Amino acid sequence: MGAQQSAGPGGGAPLVVAILLPKDAPASLISVLPRSDRRARIQVIHSDADIATVDVSAITAIVWVPPAPEARLKALYDRVANQVRWIHSLSAGVDGISDFISTRLVASPIPLTNGRGAFSSSLAEYAIAACLHFNKQFSRCERNRVSKQWDKFTMGTLRGKTLGFVGFGDIAKATAALAAPFGLRLIALRRSPGKTSGEPGAPQLARTYGAKESAAFYRECDFIVCSLPLTEETQKSVGKAAFAAMKPSAVFVSLGRGAVIDEAALHDALTTGKIAGAACDVFATEPLPTESPLWGCSNLLVTAHNADLTDDYFELAFRTWGDNLDCLLAGAPANKMATPVDKQLGY
């Protein structure tokens, strides 16, 4: 991580970075916290009481580690707002601090960065695994094993099928890169469809659709991967109309933010044969309540928001933080940081 390995430029005073930890922070997080050096002095904030009792007068940057309370971030920022130069969210999603952004940061020149890209590789693996799970009918294979049934059914293949992305950010790009060798045709539904052209390193898409063409997009897909961030615009944006437009054989994969999906519409689609199956790593309420009818869907693969929870999760997260620290100390403007967040759009 950059903050641990490099000396401060010109031997100047280091940036003082407050890291807001969640309650009962795991050992895997504590063990990889950046160490103070000549460029960055680290000040760990464990609780609300720390903000009131610890000297915060020198703090010039803040790292929010979810699920640390948004109120704690607000309280610290309100004490040091006049001197803060940078705020970073360790997670890619910043919806957990949306009120803080709208009430404190949106009109401020202070750069906000996030963990975008740090976890895309593992999420891409999950997306492809989910497609294979349904395509190869692994649940059926397991049932056959349990019942000792020699069921020589015809297995599907990914080659020649169409994989559609709802949103085409870092997660979708990483998934597209894994999907291409399988021979999948790749398309995307984007808020700004014209952005696909000319993006350095972006996988080749057969077609990009805008919001007004969403029904046509869904009709083409054999597999759909949704990795949208949660904003006012995207909340429940994948709902009844979207599922109605999908093929009965379609498989839907959700790994962005759960509240983007209308879960009642998803349940209906799964139980009435509107789609063949779904894999969800994220839900509107987490943990998924035991009374949720989604638990009863035999064609739903449920994971507990852990598709990106790898052994090196926090190491990867702080590596991205370090990349942004490098940019800040090099004098990069807010929009040229490693992973800048558009405070108006919320991602």
Protein backbone atom coordinates (compact mmCIF):
# COMPACT_ATOMS: atom_id res chain seq x y z
CA MET A 1 0.00 0.00 0.00
CA GLY A 2 1.34 3.39 -0.98
CA ALA A 3 0.79 4.93 2.44
CA GLN A 4 3.07 2.37 4.05
CA GLN A 5 5.97 2.42 1.65
CA SER A 6 6.75 5.95 0.51
CA ALA A 7 8.22 8.94 2.26
CA GLY A 8 6.55 12.32 2.17
CA PRO A 9 7.42 14.60 -0.72
CA GLY A 10 10.12 17.03 0.23
CA GLY A 11 9.98 15.87 3.84
CA GLY A 12 6.87 18.01 4.45
CA ALA A 13 4.29 17.51 7.17
CA PRO A 14 2.31 14.30 6.70
CA LEU A 15 -1.38 14.11 5.97
CA VAL A 16 -3.25 13.20 9.16
CA VAL A 17 -5.77 10.49 8.27
CA ALA A 18 -8.62 9.52 10.57
CA ILE A 19 -9.90 6.00 9.94
CA LEU A 20 -13.45 5.52 11.23
CA LEU A 21 -13.78 1.86 12.17
CA PRO A 22 -17.06 -0.05 12.64
CA LYS A 23 -17.95 -1.63 15.95
CA ASP A 24 -16.18 -4.96 16.52
CA ALA A 25 -13.85 -4.46 13.56
CA PRO A 26 -12.53 -7.88 12.50
CA ALA A 27 -8.92 -8.89 13.00
CA SER A 28 -8.52 -9.13 9.22
CA LEU A 29 -9.20 -5.39 9.05
CA ILE A 30 -7.07 -4.38 12.05
CA SER A 31 -4.10 -6.36 10.75
CA VAL A 32 -3.87 -4.41 7.48
CA LEU A 33 -4.54 -0.88 8.72
CA PRO A 34 -1.99 1.50 7.18
CA ARG A 35 0.90 2.45 9.40
CA SER A 36 1.95 6.04 9.97
CA ASP A 37 4.91 7.24 7.94
CA ARG A 38 6.34 10.53 6.68
CA ARG A 39 3.49 11.00 4.23
CA ALA A 40 0.48 9.97 6.29
CA ARG A 41 -0.06 9.84 10.04
CA ILE A 42 -2.86 7.43 10.91
CA GLN A 43 -5.36 8.16 13.67
CA VAL A 44 -7.88 5.37 14.30
CA ILE A 45 -11.33 6.35 15.56
CA HIS A 46 -13.01 3.39 17.25
CA SER A 47 -16.16 4.99 18.64
CA ASP A 48 -18.30 8.09 19.00
CA ALA A 49 -16.55 8.75 22.31
CA ASP A 50 -13.20 9.02 20.52
CA ILE A 51 -14.45 11.99 18.50
CA ALA A 52 -15.31 13.82 21.71
CA THR A 53 -12.18 12.88 23.67
CA VAL A 54 -9.36 12.42 21.16
CA ASP A 55 -7.48 15.41 19.74
CA VAL A 56 -8.76 15.70 16.18
CA SER A 57 -7.40 19.18 15.51
CA ALA A 58 -4.77 18.00 13.02
CA ILE A 59 -6.97 15.68 10.93
CA THR A 60 -6.85 16.50 7.22
CA ALA A 61 -8.34 13.33 5.66
CA ILE A 62 -11.02 10.81 6.65
CA VAL A 63 -11.53 7.16 5.71
CA TRP A 64 -15.02 5.77 6.31
CA VAL A 65 -15.04 2.00 6.86
CA PRO A 66 -18.58 0.61 6.63
CA PRO A 67 -20.63 -0.17 8.60
CA ALA A 68 -19.29 2.63 10.79
CA PRO A 69 -22.28 4.89 11.52
CA GLU A 70 -22.87 7.78 9.14
CA ALA A 71 -23.58 9.94 12.20
CA ARG A 72 -20.00 9.40 13.39
CA LEU A 73 -18.66 10.57 10.05
CA LYS A 74 -20.86 13.66 10.24
CA ALA A 75 -19.76 14.42 13.79
CA LEU A 76 -16.07 14.18 12.95
CA TYR A 77 -16.40 16.12 9.72
CA ASP A 78 -18.27 18.93 11.47
CA ARG A 79 -15.29 19.38 13.80
CA VAL A 80 -12.62 19.41 11.10
CA ALA A 81 -14.45 20.59 7.98
CA ASN A 82 -12.28 23.69 7.54
CA GLN A 83 -9.09 21.66 7.23
CA VAL A 84 -10.13 18.39 5.54
CA ARG A 85 -8.53 17.84 2.13
CA TRP A 86 -9.96 14.43 1.21
CA ILE A 87 -12.58 11.83 2.20
CA HIS A 88 -12.47 8.18 1.17
CA SER A 89 -15.05 5.40 1.41
CA LEU A 90 -13.39 2.01 1.80
CA SER A 91 -16.36 0.41 0.04
CA ALA A 92 -17.32 1.04 -3.56
CA GLY A 93 -20.90 1.91 -2.65
CA VAL A 94 -21.40 5.28 -0.95
CA ASP A 95 -25.17 5.01 -0.46
CA GLY A 96 -24.51 4.38 3.25
CA ILE A 97 -23.31 7.98 3.57
CA SER A 98 -25.67 9.56 1.05
CA ASP A 99 -27.09 12.07 3.53
CA PHE A 100 -23.58 13.12 4.55
CA ILE A 101 -22.71 13.67 0.90
CA SER A 102 -25.85 15.66 0.13
CA THR A 103 -25.69 17.85 3.24
CA ARG A 104 -21.93 18.36 3.61
CA LEU A 105 -19.99 17.50 0.49
CA VAL A 106 -22.03 18.04 -2.64
CA ALA A 107 -21.22 21.77 -2.85
CA SER A 108 -17.69 21.37 -1.47
CA PRO A 109 -14.47 21.09 -3.47
CA ILE A 110 -13.27 18.35 -1.11
CA PRO A 111 -12.66 15.20 -3.20
CA LEU A 112 -14.57 12.03 -2.35
CA THR A 113 -13.13 8.70 -3.48
CA ASN A 114 -14.23 5.10 -3.02
CA GLY A 115 -13.13 1.48 -3.22
CA ARG A 116 -14.31 1.07 -6.81
CA GLY A 117 -12.48 -1.71 -8.62
CA ALA A 118 -10.90 -3.26 -5.54
CA PHE A 119 -13.39 -6.13 -5.43
CA SER A 120 -14.40 -6.41 -9.08
CA SER A 121 -12.38 -9.56 -9.75
CA SER A 122 -14.12 -11.67 -7.09
CA LEU A 123 -17.54 -10.31 -8.03
CA ALA A 124 -16.87 -11.16 -11.67
CA GLU A 125 -16.06 -14.74 -10.64
CA TYR A 126 -19.36 -14.91 -8.75
CA ALA A 127 -21.32 -13.67 -11.76
CA ILE A 128 -19.79 -16.27 -14.08
CA ALA A 129 -20.22 -18.99 -11.46
CA ALA A 130 -23.91 -18.09 -11.14
CA CYS A 131 -24.38 -18.29 -14.91
CA LEU A 132 -22.71 -21.71 -14.96
CA HIS A 133 -24.72 -22.87 -11.94
CA PHE A 134 -27.97 -22.48 -13.86
CA ASN A 135 -26.61 -23.28 -17.32
CA LYS A 136 -25.20 -26.62 -16.18
CA GLN A 137 -28.14 -27.29 -13.82
CA PHE A 138 -25.94 -28.02 -10.82
CA SER A 139 -28.93 -28.02 -8.46
CA ARG A 140 -30.42 -30.80 -10.55
CA CYS A 141 -27.13 -32.68 -10.39
CA GLU A 142 -27.13 -32.43 -6.60
CA ARG A 143 -30.72 -33.68 -6.39
CA ASN A 144 -29.78 -36.61 -8.62
CA ARG A 145 -26.88 -37.48 -6.35
CA VAL A 146 -29.06 -37.41 -3.25
CA SER A 147 -31.74 -39.56 -4.92
CA LYS A 148 -29.16 -41.81 -6.63
CA GLN A 149 -30.75 -41.07 -9.99
CA TRP A 150 -28.73 -41.53 -13.20
CA ASP A 151 -30.26 -38.57 -15.10
CA LYS A 152 -28.38 -38.16 -18.37
CA PHE A 153 -29.87 -34.80 -19.36
CA THR A 154 -28.61 -32.45 -22.08
CA MET A 155 -26.38 -29.75 -20.58
CA GLY A 156 -26.40 -26.19 -21.84
CA THR A 157 -23.38 -24.16 -22.90
CA LEU A 158 -22.55 -20.49 -22.50
CA ARG A 159 -21.08 -20.17 -25.99
CA GLY A 160 -23.37 -18.23 -28.28
CA LYS A 161 -25.62 -16.97 -25.47
CA THR A 162 -26.09 -13.26 -24.72
CA LEU A 163 -24.92 -11.78 -21.42
CA GLY A 164 -26.37 -8.36 -20.66
CA PHE A 165 -25.07 -5.88 -18.10
CA VAL A 166 -27.35 -3.48 -16.27
CA GLY A 167 -24.78 -0.78 -15.63
CA PHE A 168 -21.31 -1.05 -17.07
CA GLY A 169 -18.90 0.03 -14.36
CA ASP A 170 -15.83 -1.74 -13.00
CA ILE A 171 -17.69 -4.87 -11.88
CA ALA A 172 -19.38 -5.30 -15.25
CA LYS A 173 -16.14 -4.71 -17.15
CA ALA A 174 -14.33 -7.33 -15.05
CA THR A 175 -17.20 -9.77 -15.64
CA ALA A 176 -17.17 -9.06 -19.37
CA ALA A 177 -13.45 -9.82 -19.48
CA LEU A 178 -14.06 -13.23 -17.88
CA ALA A 179 -17.12 -13.90 -20.03
CA ALA A 180 -15.57 -13.20 -23.42
CA PRO A 181 -13.47 -16.42 -23.56
CA PHE A 182 -16.65 -18.46 -22.99
CA GLY A 183 -17.95 -17.14 -26.30
CA LEU A 184 -20.74 -15.09 -24.79
CA ARG A 185 -22.15 -12.16 -26.73
CA LEU A 186 -21.96 -9.05 -24.56
CA ILE A 187 -24.43 -6.16 -24.43
CA ALA A 188 -25.13 -3.43 -21.87
CA LEU A 189 -27.89 -1.14 -20.61
CA ARG A 190 -26.35 2.17 -19.52
CA ARG A 191 -27.42 5.55 -18.24
CA SER A 192 -25.07 7.08 -20.80
CA PRO A 193 -24.83 4.55 -23.65
CA GLY A 194 -22.40 6.67 -25.63
CA LYS A 195 -19.70 6.27 -22.98
CA THR A 196 -18.86 2.76 -24.18
CA SER A 197 -17.07 3.99 -27.29
CA GLY A 198 -13.45 4.83 -26.75
CA GLU A 199 -13.14 3.75 -23.11
CA PRO A 200 -9.55 2.49 -22.63
CA GLY A 201 -9.47 -1.21 -21.86
CA ALA A 202 -13.24 -1.64 -22.04
CA PRO A 203 -14.29 -5.10 -23.32
CA GLN A 204 -15.95 -5.13 -26.72
CA LEU A 205 -19.74 -4.90 -26.54
CA ALA A 206 -21.96 -6.04 -29.37
CA ARG A 207 -24.46 -3.31 -28.53
CA THR A 208 -25.25 -0.69 -25.87
CA TYR A 209 -28.79 0.36 -24.97
CA GLY A 210 -30.09 3.50 -23.30
CA ALA A 211 -32.82 3.64 -20.65
CA LYS A 212 -35.63 4.10 -23.18
CA GLU A 213 -34.57 0.84 -24.89
CA SER A 214 -34.57 -1.27 -21.72
CA ALA A 215 -37.33 -3.65 -22.86
CA ALA A 216 -35.44 -4.44 -26.06
CA PHE A 217 -32.27 -4.99 -24.02
CA TYR A 218 -33.92 -7.44 -21.62
CA ARG A 219 -35.53 -9.39 -24.47
CA GLU A 220 -32.10 -10.15 -25.94
CA CYS A 221 -30.47 -11.46 -22.77
CA ASP A 222 -29.98 -15.07 -21.75
CA PHE A 223 -28.15 -13.90 -18.63
CA ILE A 224 -28.38 -10.50 -16.94
CA VAL A 225 -25.84 -9.14 -14.45
CA CYS A 226 -26.98 -6.10 -12.45
CA SER A 227 -24.27 -4.13 -10.65
CA LEU A 228 -25.94 -0.72 -10.40
CA PRO A 229 -25.09 1.61 -7.51
CA LEU A 230 -27.98 2.65 -5.28
CA THR A 231 -29.28 6.16 -5.95
CA GLU A 232 -32.71 7.76 -5.98
CA GLU A 233 -32.78 7.09 -9.72
CA THR A 234 -31.87 3.39 -9.49
CA GLN A 235 -33.97 2.34 -6.47
CA LYS A 236 -36.28 -0.52 -7.56
CA SER A 237 -35.39 0.28 -11.16
CA VAL A 238 -35.32 -3.43 -12.01
CA GLY A 239 -38.94 -4.32 -11.44
CA LYS A 240 -42.08 -5.76 -12.95
CA ALA A 241 -41.56 -4.33 -16.43
CA ALA A 242 -37.96 -5.54 -16.59
CA PHE A 243 -38.80 -9.11 -15.54
CA ALA A 244 -41.78 -9.20 -17.89
CA ALA A 245 -39.48 -8.33 -20.81
CA MET A 246 -36.99 -11.12 -20.02
CA LYS A 247 -37.03 -14.54 -21.66
CA PRO A 248 -38.60 -17.39 -19.65
CA SER A 249 -35.17 -19.04 -19.90
CA ALA A 250 -33.30 -15.98 -18.60
CA VAL A 251 -31.11 -15.97 -15.49
CA PHE A 252 -30.77 -12.78 -13.43
CA VAL A 253 -27.70 -12.05 -11.26
CA SER A 254 -27.73 -9.23 -8.69
CA LEU A 255 -24.51 -8.12 -7.02
CA GLY A 256 -24.58 -4.33 -6.83
CA ARG A 257 -27.09 -3.03 -4.29
CA GLY A 258 -30.17 -5.00 -3.27
CA ALA A 259 -32.56 -2.04 -3.18
CA VAL A 260 -32.06 -1.59 -6.92
CA ILE A 261 -34.30 -4.65 -7.34
CA ASP A 262 -38.03 -4.74 -6.69
CA GLU A 263 -37.95 -7.94 -4.64
CA ALA A 264 -41.71 -8.52 -4.87
CA ALA A 265 -41.41 -8.43 -8.67
CA LEU A 266 -38.41 -10.77 -8.51
CA HIS A 267 -40.32 -13.23 -6.36
CA ASP A 268 -43.23 -13.15 -8.79
CA ALA A 269 -40.92 -13.68 -11.76
CA LEU A 270 -39.26 -16.67 -10.10
CA THR A 271 -42.44 -18.37 -8.95
CA THR A 272 -44.53 -17.84 -12.10
CA GLY A 273 -41.91 -18.87 -14.66
CA LYS A 274 -41.29 -15.40 -16.06
CA ILE A 275 -37.56 -16.17 -15.67
CA ALA A 276 -35.70 -19.43 -15.12
CA GLY A 277 -33.63 -18.44 -12.13
CA ALA A 278 -31.72 -15.78 -10.23
CA ALA A 279 -28.64 -15.41 -8.05
CA CYS A 280 -28.64 -12.62 -5.48
CA ASP A 281 -25.72 -11.62 -3.29
CA VAL A 282 -27.39 -8.41 -2.13
CA PHE A 283 -30.83 -7.59 -0.76
CA ALA A 284 -32.81 -4.50 0.20
CA THR A 285 -32.67 -5.54 3.87
CA GLU A 286 -29.64 -7.45 5.14
CA PRO A 287 -29.55 -9.99 6.59
CA LEU A 288 -32.44 -11.15 4.40
CA PRO A 289 -35.37 -11.45 6.86
CA THR A 290 -36.40 -15.01 7.63
CA GLU A 291 -39.98 -14.11 6.65
CA SER A 292 -38.93 -13.04 3.15
CA PRO A 293 -40.69 -15.21 0.55
CA LEU A 294 -37.48 -15.24 -1.47
CA TRP A 295 -36.13 -17.97 0.82
CA GLY A 296 -38.78 -20.29 -0.60
CA CYS A 297 -37.70 -19.89 -4.23
CA SER A 298 -36.00 -23.12 -5.30
CA ASN A 299 -34.66 -21.38 -8.41
CA LEU A 300 -32.91 -18.63 -6.42
CA LEU A 301 -29.25 -18.87 -5.41
CA VAL A 302 -28.83 -16.83 -2.20
CA THR A 303 -25.51 -15.64 -0.81
CA ALA A 304 -25.04 -13.36 2.19
CA HIS A 305 -23.41 -10.30 0.56
CA ASN A 306 -20.12 -12.19 0.66
CA ALA A 307 -19.31 -12.63 -3.03
CA ASP A 308 -16.46 -10.15 -2.59
CA LEU A 309 -15.49 -11.17 0.95
CA THR A 310 -12.14 -12.72 0.08
CA ASP A 311 -9.13 -13.37 2.31
CA ASP A 312 -7.48 -10.22 0.97
CA TYR A 313 -10.60 -8.03 1.02
CA PHE A 314 -9.24 -5.31 3.32
CA GLU A 315 -5.78 -5.47 1.80
CA LEU A 316 -7.28 -4.78 -1.62
CA ALA A 317 -9.45 -2.03 -0.17
CA PHE A 318 -6.52 -0.18 1.40
CA ARG A 319 -4.46 -0.63 -1.75
CA THR A 320 -7.09 1.41 -3.58
CA TRP A 321 -6.98 3.97 -0.76
CA GLY A 322 -3.21 4.12 -1.22
CA ASP A 323 -3.62 4.77 -4.94
CA ASN A 324 -5.81 7.75 -4.11
CA LEU A 325 -3.32 8.96 -1.51
CA ASP A 326 -0.64 8.94 -4.21
CA CYS A 327 -2.88 11.10 -6.40
CA LEU A 328 -3.66 13.56 -3.62
CA LEU A 329 -0.04 14.06 -2.63
CA ALA A 330 0.91 14.48 -6.29
CA GLY A 331 -1.53 17.38 -6.49
CA ALA A 332 -4.18 15.70 -8.66
CA PRO A 333 -7.48 17.58 -8.99
CA ALA A 334 -10.60 15.98 -7.51
CA ASN A 335 -11.74 14.46 -10.80
CA LYS A 336 -8.31 12.96 -11.47
CA MET A 337 -8.03 10.94 -8.27
CA ALA A 338 -7.73 7.17 -8.75
CA THR A 339 -11.40 6.46 -7.97
CA PRO A 340 -13.31 9.76 -7.83
CA VAL A 341 -16.98 9.78 -6.83
CA ASP A 342 -19.38 12.11 -8.64
CA LYS A 343 -21.08 13.66 -5.61
CA GLN A 344 -24.08 14.71 -7.66
CA LEU A 345 -24.71 11.23 -9.09
CA GLY A 346 -23.70 9.33 -5.95
CA TYR A 347 -21.20 6.93 -7.55
